[in-house]
Amino acid sequence: MEKILTADGSYTCRHPGYMENYHAKEGARAEAFAKFVRPGRLADRLRAGPVRLLDVGFGLGVNARAAIEVARETGAHFLHIDSVEADHQALTRARTLNPDCPVLSSLENTGQWREPFAEIHLYNTDIREVGLTLPGDFDLIFHDPFSPMKNTECWTVELFAHFKTLLRADGMLLTYAEADAIRAGLFQAGFSVGLTPPAPPHRGGTLAVPLPAQAPDPLDPEPFTHPPKNIAYHDFTLKEDGKTIRARREAQVRTLASAEEEGSANRRIGGAKGEIGGKANAEHRTSNIER
């Protein structure tokens, strides 16, 4: 495994199956704060009371450890984290990058870690399995799987709809994703969807809050009701593999493209016929004038 030093001095690595880096080279730790911790107002929430966080895609543990850092610094109320990671080798990679981290060591040995201001329970399983059994009332969901093209089963309308049932009324889901298909999926799952601000060199992302609450910096849902923006990923049984889910959406996109191409061709033919008819009428009028 190749250790990749990022711009803020923290490390990441490449997933051997998905062939994507766990975190941005601009800074793994900085990305956790820019995309999740700060826009989720974690410090403010901890000052107000205990916080329950669902960490989807534990990966190398960067987001969870950033949240623990805030809980320690705040020193006000308790942070409970349920982290979910389907890849059983992820924690081994995390330990290789951070061999002296007591949080990762404890998770590797027992699946749990606890101190006065925070605790983690790590579930090595598919989010679609454990997510259906976890109690609700989460204040935050950090949604950080690999990209929709690689980890497609984590980006469906049906999973987002279940997340909505797990969130408190004032809860928030945050993700790095900006794609129309993801934002459409969140809208279709019953969220109000907004933008998280960019924190250069990191780009912004997406946040979602349960309706009828209004997302900060909200997106207009209307454009996401029309194709192609409204073509989201679907997993109707919450058991399908990513390839099947991707293939279904790609078929919808191809069907739309084909219909648009056919419509464009028909408009061109109609225009050509109109031009020919116009010339014929003009010639007929000219002929009448000459006679």
Foldseek 3Di string as FASTA:
>chain_A
DDWQQACVRATWDADPPLRHILADSNDRLVCLCQFPVVVLVLLVVQQVEEAEEEEEACQLVSNVVSSVVSQVVSVRYAYEYEYEAQDPCRLVVSCVRPVPDPQSVCCVVPQKDDDDRYIYHYHRRDCLVVLVVDAAAHQEYEHRDPDCLRQVLSQALVNLLSNQVRYDQNHKYTYAADALQRVLSNVSSAWFKAWRCADPVGHIGIMTGHPPDHDVRTDDCVVCVDPPSNQYFHDPVSPDGSVVRVVVSVVVVVVVVVVVVVVVVVVVVVVVVVVVVVVVVVVVVVVVVVD
